Amino acid sequence: MNLRRCILALYLLLIGGIGLAAAVFFVEAREEYARLKSIQAENRRLVADAELRLKYQEKVLERLSSDPSYVDKVIRRKLGYARPEEFVFRFSEN
């Protein structure tokens, strides 16, 4: 009888160890899943922001290719150009 009890205790210990290892694996898997979900949410936000910027840039490109007054405005503002009868005043920003 003593041998049977030792074998039964060994089996119970083995099953308990396997259960404990499975529980640890499950907890680690849940933590990894939560981390990946937060990364996915951040990436979706970044994609949405990039799509908004792309739409804006497409509108600007469309205006640059079809609206001469907008092209003139952009050239004057970004490059500081002026017509021959105009003066451009530049102030230092300190």
N, C-alpha and C. Protein backbone atom coordinates (compact mmCIF):
# COMPACT_ATOMS: atom_id res chain seq x y z
N MET A 1 0.81 -1.19 0.00
CA MET A 1 0.00 0.00 0.00
C MET A 1 0.86 1.26 0.00
N ASN A 2 1.96 1.20 0.62
CA ASN A 2 2.82 2.37 0.72
C ASN A 2 3.33 2.79 -0.67
N LEU A 3 3.61 1.80 -1.53
CA LEU A 3 4.07 2.06 -2.90
C LEU A 3 2.97 2.74 -3.70
N ARG A 4 1.72 2.30 -3.50
CA ARG A 4 0.58 2.91 -4.21
C ARG A 4 0.42 4.38 -3.80
N ARG A 5 0.55 4.65 -2.54
CA ARG A 5 0.43 6.03 -2.07
C ARG A 5 1.56 6.90 -2.62
N CYS A 6 2.74 6.38 -2.71
CA CYS A 6 3.87 7.14 -3.27
C CYS A 6 3.62 7.44 -4.75
N ILE A 7 3.14 6.45 -5.49
CA ILE A 7 2.84 6.65 -6.92
C ILE A 7 1.71 7.66 -7.08
N LEU A 8 0.66 7.53 -6.26
CA LEU A 8 -0.46 8.47 -6.32
C LEU A 8 0.02 9.89 -5.97
N ALA A 9 0.85 10.04 -4.98
CA ALA A 9 1.38 11.35 -4.60
C ALA A 9 2.25 11.92 -5.73
N LEU A 10 3.03 11.05 -6.37
CA LEU A 10 3.86 11.48 -7.49
C LEU A 10 3.01 11.96 -8.65
N TYR A 11 1.94 11.23 -8.98
CA TYR A 11 1.03 11.65 -10.05
C TYR A 11 0.35 12.98 -9.71
N LEU A 12 -0.11 13.12 -8.48
CA LEU A 12 -0.75 14.37 -8.07
C LEU A 12 0.22 15.55 -8.14
N LEU A 13 1.45 15.30 -7.72
CA LEU A 13 2.47 16.33 -7.79
C LEU A 13 2.78 16.69 -9.24
N LEU A 14 2.85 15.71 -10.10
CA LEU A 14 3.11 15.93 -11.52
C LEU A 14 1.96 16.71 -12.17
N ILE A 15 0.73 16.33 -11.88
CA ILE A 15 -0.44 17.03 -12.43
C ILE A 15 -0.50 18.46 -11.89
N GLY A 16 -0.21 18.63 -10.62
CA GLY A 16 -0.18 19.98 -10.03
C GLY A 16 0.89 20.84 -10.67
N GLY A 17 2.06 20.28 -10.93
CA GLY A 17 3.15 21.02 -11.59
C GLY A 17 2.78 21.42 -13.00
N ILE A 18 2.16 20.50 -13.72
CA ILE A 18 1.72 20.81 -15.09
C ILE A 18 0.65 21.92 -15.06
N GLY A 19 -0.27 21.82 -14.10
CA GLY A 19 -1.31 22.85 -13.97
C GLY A 19 -0.71 24.21 -13.64
N LEU A 20 0.26 24.24 -12.75
CA LEU A 20 0.92 25.49 -12.38
C LEU A 20 1.68 26.08 -13.57
N ALA A 21 2.38 25.23 -14.32
CA ALA A 21 3.10 25.70 -15.50
C ALA A 21 2.12 26.25 -16.54
N ALA A 22 0.98 25.58 -16.71
CA ALA A 22 -0.03 26.06 -17.65
C ALA A 22 -0.60 27.41 -17.20
N ALA A 23 -0.82 27.57 -15.91
CA ALA A 23 -1.34 28.83 -15.39
C ALA A 23 -0.34 29.97 -15.62
N VAL A 24 0.93 29.73 -15.39
CA VAL A 24 1.96 30.74 -15.62
C VAL A 24 2.02 31.09 -17.11
N PHE A 25 1.97 30.09 -17.96
CA PHE A 25 1.98 30.32 -19.41
C PHE A 25 0.76 31.14 -19.83
N PHE A 26 -0.39 30.84 -19.26
CA PHE A 26 -1.62 31.56 -19.60
C PHE A 26 -1.53 33.02 -19.17
N VAL A 27 -1.01 33.28 -17.99
CA VAL A 27 -0.88 34.66 -17.51
C VAL A 27 0.09 35.44 -18.40
N GLU A 28 1.19 34.84 -18.76
CA GLU A 28 2.15 35.50 -19.64
C GLU A 28 1.54 35.77 -21.01
N ALA A 29 0.76 34.83 -21.52
CA ALA A 29 0.11 35.00 -22.82
C ALA A 29 -0.90 36.15 -22.76
N ARG A 30 -1.65 36.25 -21.66
CA ARG A 30 -2.62 37.35 -21.52
C ARG A 30 -1.92 38.70 -21.45
N GLU A 31 -0.81 38.78 -20.75
CA GLU A 31 -0.04 40.03 -20.67
C GLU A 31 0.48 40.42 -22.05
N GLU A 32 0.99 39.47 -22.79
CA GLU A 32 1.48 39.72 -24.15
C GLU A 32 0.34 40.17 -25.05
N TYR A 33 -0.81 39.56 -24.92
CA TYR A 33 -1.98 39.94 -25.71
C TYR A 33 -2.40 41.37 -25.41
N ALA A 34 -2.42 41.75 -24.15
CA ALA A 34 -2.78 43.11 -23.77
C ALA A 34 -1.76 44.11 -24.31
N ARG A 35 -0.49 43.77 -24.26
CA ARG A 35 0.55 44.65 -24.79
C ARG A 35 0.39 44.83 -26.29
N LEU A 36 0.13 43.75 -27.00
CA LEU A 36 -0.04 43.83 -28.44
C LEU A 36 -1.30 44.61 -28.82
N LYS A 37 -2.35 44.49 -28.03
CA LYS A 37 -3.57 45.26 -28.29
C LYS A 37 -3.31 46.77 -28.14
N SER A 38 -2.53 47.15 -27.13
CA SER A 38 -2.23 48.57 -26.95
C SER A 38 -1.34 49.08 -28.10
N ILE A 39 -0.42 48.26 -28.55
CA ILE A 39 0.42 48.64 -29.70
C ILE A 39 -0.45 48.79 -30.94
N GLN A 40 -1.39 47.89 -31.13
CA GLN A 40 -2.29 47.96 -32.27
C GLN A 40 -3.13 49.24 -32.23
N ALA A 41 -3.63 49.60 -31.08
CA ALA A 41 -4.42 50.83 -30.95
C ALA A 41 -3.57 52.05 -31.29
N GLU A 42 -2.34 52.09 -30.81
CA GLU A 42 -1.44 53.20 -31.11
C GLU A 42 -1.14 53.26 -32.61
N ASN A 43 -0.90 52.11 -33.23
CA ASN A 43 -0.63 52.07 -34.66
C ASN A 43 -1.84 52.52 -35.47
N ARG A 44 -3.04 52.16 -35.04
CA ARG A 44 -4.24 52.62 -35.74
C ARG A 44 -4.38 54.14 -35.64
N ARG A 45 -4.05 54.69 -34.49
CA ARG A 45 -4.10 56.14 -34.34
C ARG A 45 -3.08 56.82 -35.25
N LEU A 46 -1.88 56.25 -35.34
CA LEU A 46 -0.85 56.81 -36.21
C LEU A 46 -1.27 56.73 -37.68
N VAL A 47 -1.90 55.64 -38.06
CA VAL A 47 -2.38 55.50 -39.45
C VAL A 47 -3.46 56.53 -39.74
N ALA A 48 -4.37 56.74 -38.80
CA ALA A 48 -5.43 57.73 -39.00
C ALA A 48 -4.83 59.12 -39.16
N ASP A 49 -3.83 59.45 -38.34
CA ASP A 49 -3.16 60.75 -38.45
C ASP A 49 -2.46 60.89 -39.81
N ALA A 50 -1.79 59.83 -40.24
CA ALA A 50 -1.10 59.86 -41.53
C ALA A 50 -2.09 60.02 -42.68
N GLU A 51 -3.25 59.37 -42.58
CA GLU A 51 -4.26 59.50 -43.62
C GLU A 51 -4.79 60.93 -43.69
N LEU A 52 -4.97 61.58 -42.53
CA LEU A 52 -5.40 62.98 -42.53
C LEU A 52 -4.37 63.89 -43.19
N ARG A 53 -3.09 63.67 -42.85
CA ARG A 53 -2.03 64.45 -43.48
C ARG A 53 -1.98 64.23 -44.98
N LEU A 54 -2.18 62.97 -45.40
CA LEU A 54 -2.18 62.65 -46.82
C LEU A 54 -3.32 63.36 -47.55
N LYS A 55 -4.51 63.37 -46.96
CA LYS A 55 -5.63 64.07 -47.59
C LYS A 55 -5.35 65.55 -47.73
N TYR A 56 -4.77 66.15 -46.68
CA TYR A 56 -4.42 67.57 -46.74
C TYR A 56 -3.40 67.82 -47.84
N GLN A 57 -2.36 66.99 -47.91
CA GLN A 57 -1.32 67.17 -48.92
C GLN A 57 -1.86 66.95 -50.33
N GLU A 58 -2.81 66.03 -50.48
CA GLU A 58 -3.43 65.83 -51.80
C GLU A 58 -4.22 67.07 -52.22
N LYS A 59 -4.92 67.70 -51.25
CA LYS A 59 -5.64 68.93 -51.56
C LYS A 59 -4.69 70.04 -51.96
N VAL A 60 -3.57 70.18 -51.24
CA VAL A 60 -2.58 71.19 -51.57
C VAL A 60 -2.00 70.93 -52.95
N LEU A 61 -1.69 69.68 -53.25
CA LEU A 61 -1.15 69.33 -54.56
C LEU A 61 -2.15 69.65 -55.67
N GLU A 62 -3.41 69.35 -55.43
CA GLU A 62 -4.45 69.65 -56.41
C GLU A 62 -4.54 71.16 -56.65
N ARG A 63 -4.48 71.94 -55.57
CA ARG A 63 -4.54 73.40 -55.71
C ARG A 63 -3.30 73.92 -56.42
N LEU A 64 -2.14 73.34 -56.12
CA LEU A 64 -0.90 73.80 -56.78
C LEU A 64 -0.94 73.51 -58.27
N SER A 65 -1.60 72.43 -58.66
CA SER A 65 -1.63 72.09 -60.08
C SER A 65 -2.77 72.77 -60.83
N SER A 66 -3.73 73.37 -60.13
CA SER A 66 -4.87 73.93 -60.85
C SER A 66 -5.17 75.40 -60.53
N ASP A 67 -4.60 75.96 -59.48
CA ASP A 67 -4.95 77.31 -59.05
C ASP A 67 -3.71 78.21 -59.09
N PRO A 68 -3.56 79.03 -60.14
CA PRO A 68 -2.38 79.88 -60.27
C PRO A 68 -2.26 80.92 -59.14
N SER A 69 -3.38 81.42 -58.64
CA SER A 69 -3.28 82.40 -57.56
C SER A 69 -2.76 81.76 -56.27
N TYR A 70 -3.11 80.51 -56.03
CA TYR A 70 -2.59 79.79 -54.86
C TYR A 70 -1.09 79.56 -55.02
N VAL A 71 -0.66 79.20 -56.24
CA VAL A 71 0.77 79.01 -56.50
C VAL A 71 1.52 80.31 -56.23
N ASP A 72 0.97 81.42 -56.71
CA ASP A 72 1.58 82.72 -56.48
C ASP A 72 1.68 83.02 -54.99
N LYS A 73 0.63 82.75 -54.27
CA LYS A 73 0.60 82.99 -52.81
C LYS A 73 1.66 82.15 -52.09
N VAL A 74 1.76 80.89 -52.46
CA VAL A 74 2.73 79.99 -51.82
C VAL A 74 4.16 80.44 -52.13
N ILE A 75 4.42 80.80 -53.36
CA ILE A 75 5.76 81.25 -53.74
C ILE A 75 6.13 82.52 -52.97
N ARG A 76 5.20 83.44 -52.85
CA ARG A 76 5.48 84.67 -52.12
C ARG A 76 5.74 84.40 -50.64
N ARG A 77 4.92 83.53 -50.04
CA ARG A 77 5.04 83.28 -48.60
C ARG A 77 6.28 82.46 -48.28
N LYS A 78 6.50 81.38 -49.01
CA LYS A 78 7.60 80.47 -48.66
C LYS A 78 8.97 80.98 -49.12
N LEU A 79 9.02 81.57 -50.30
CA LEU A 79 10.30 81.98 -50.86
C LEU A 79 10.59 83.47 -50.71
N GLY A 80 9.59 84.23 -50.31
CA GLY A 80 9.79 85.65 -50.10
C GLY A 80 9.88 86.45 -51.39
N TYR A 81 9.32 85.94 -52.47
CA TYR A 81 9.35 86.66 -53.74
C TYR A 81 8.36 87.82 -53.72
N ALA A 82 8.63 88.79 -54.59
CA ALA A 82 7.73 89.93 -54.73
C ALA A 82 7.69 90.34 -56.20
N ARG A 83 6.65 91.03 -56.57
CA ARG A 83 6.55 91.57 -57.92
C ARG A 83 7.48 92.79 -58.01
N PRO A 84 7.79 93.21 -59.24
CA PRO A 84 8.74 94.34 -59.38
C PRO A 84 8.31 95.61 -58.67
N GLU A 85 7.04 95.88 -58.55
CA GLU A 85 6.59 97.12 -57.91
C GLU A 85 6.36 96.97 -56.41
N GLU A 86 6.65 95.81 -55.85
CA GLU A 86 6.41 95.55 -54.42
C GLU A 86 7.71 95.54 -53.64
N PHE A 87 7.57 95.77 -52.35
CA PHE A 87 8.70 95.69 -51.43
C PHE A 87 8.43 94.58 -50.42
N VAL A 88 9.48 93.87 -50.04
CA VAL A 88 9.37 92.81 -49.04
C VAL A 88 10.16 93.25 -47.81
N PHE A 89 9.48 93.32 -46.70
CA PHE A 89 10.12 93.67 -45.44
C PHE A 89 10.32 92.40 -44.62
N ARG A 90 11.53 92.18 -44.17
CA ARG A 90 11.84 90.99 -43.37
C ARG A 90 12.29 91.46 -42.00
N PHE A 91 11.69 90.87 -40.99
CA PHE A 91 11.99 91.21 -39.62
C PHE A 91 12.62 89.99 -38.94
N SER A 92 13.61 90.24 -38.11
CA SER A 92 14.21 89.12 -37.39
C SER A 92 13.30 88.74 -36.22
N GLU A 93 13.22 87.48 -35.97
CA GLU A 93 12.38 86.97 -34.87
C GLU A 93 13.29 86.56 -33.73
N ASN A 94 13.38 87.39 -32.71
CA ASN A 94 14.25 87.09 -31.57
C ASN A 94 13.45 86.73 -30.38
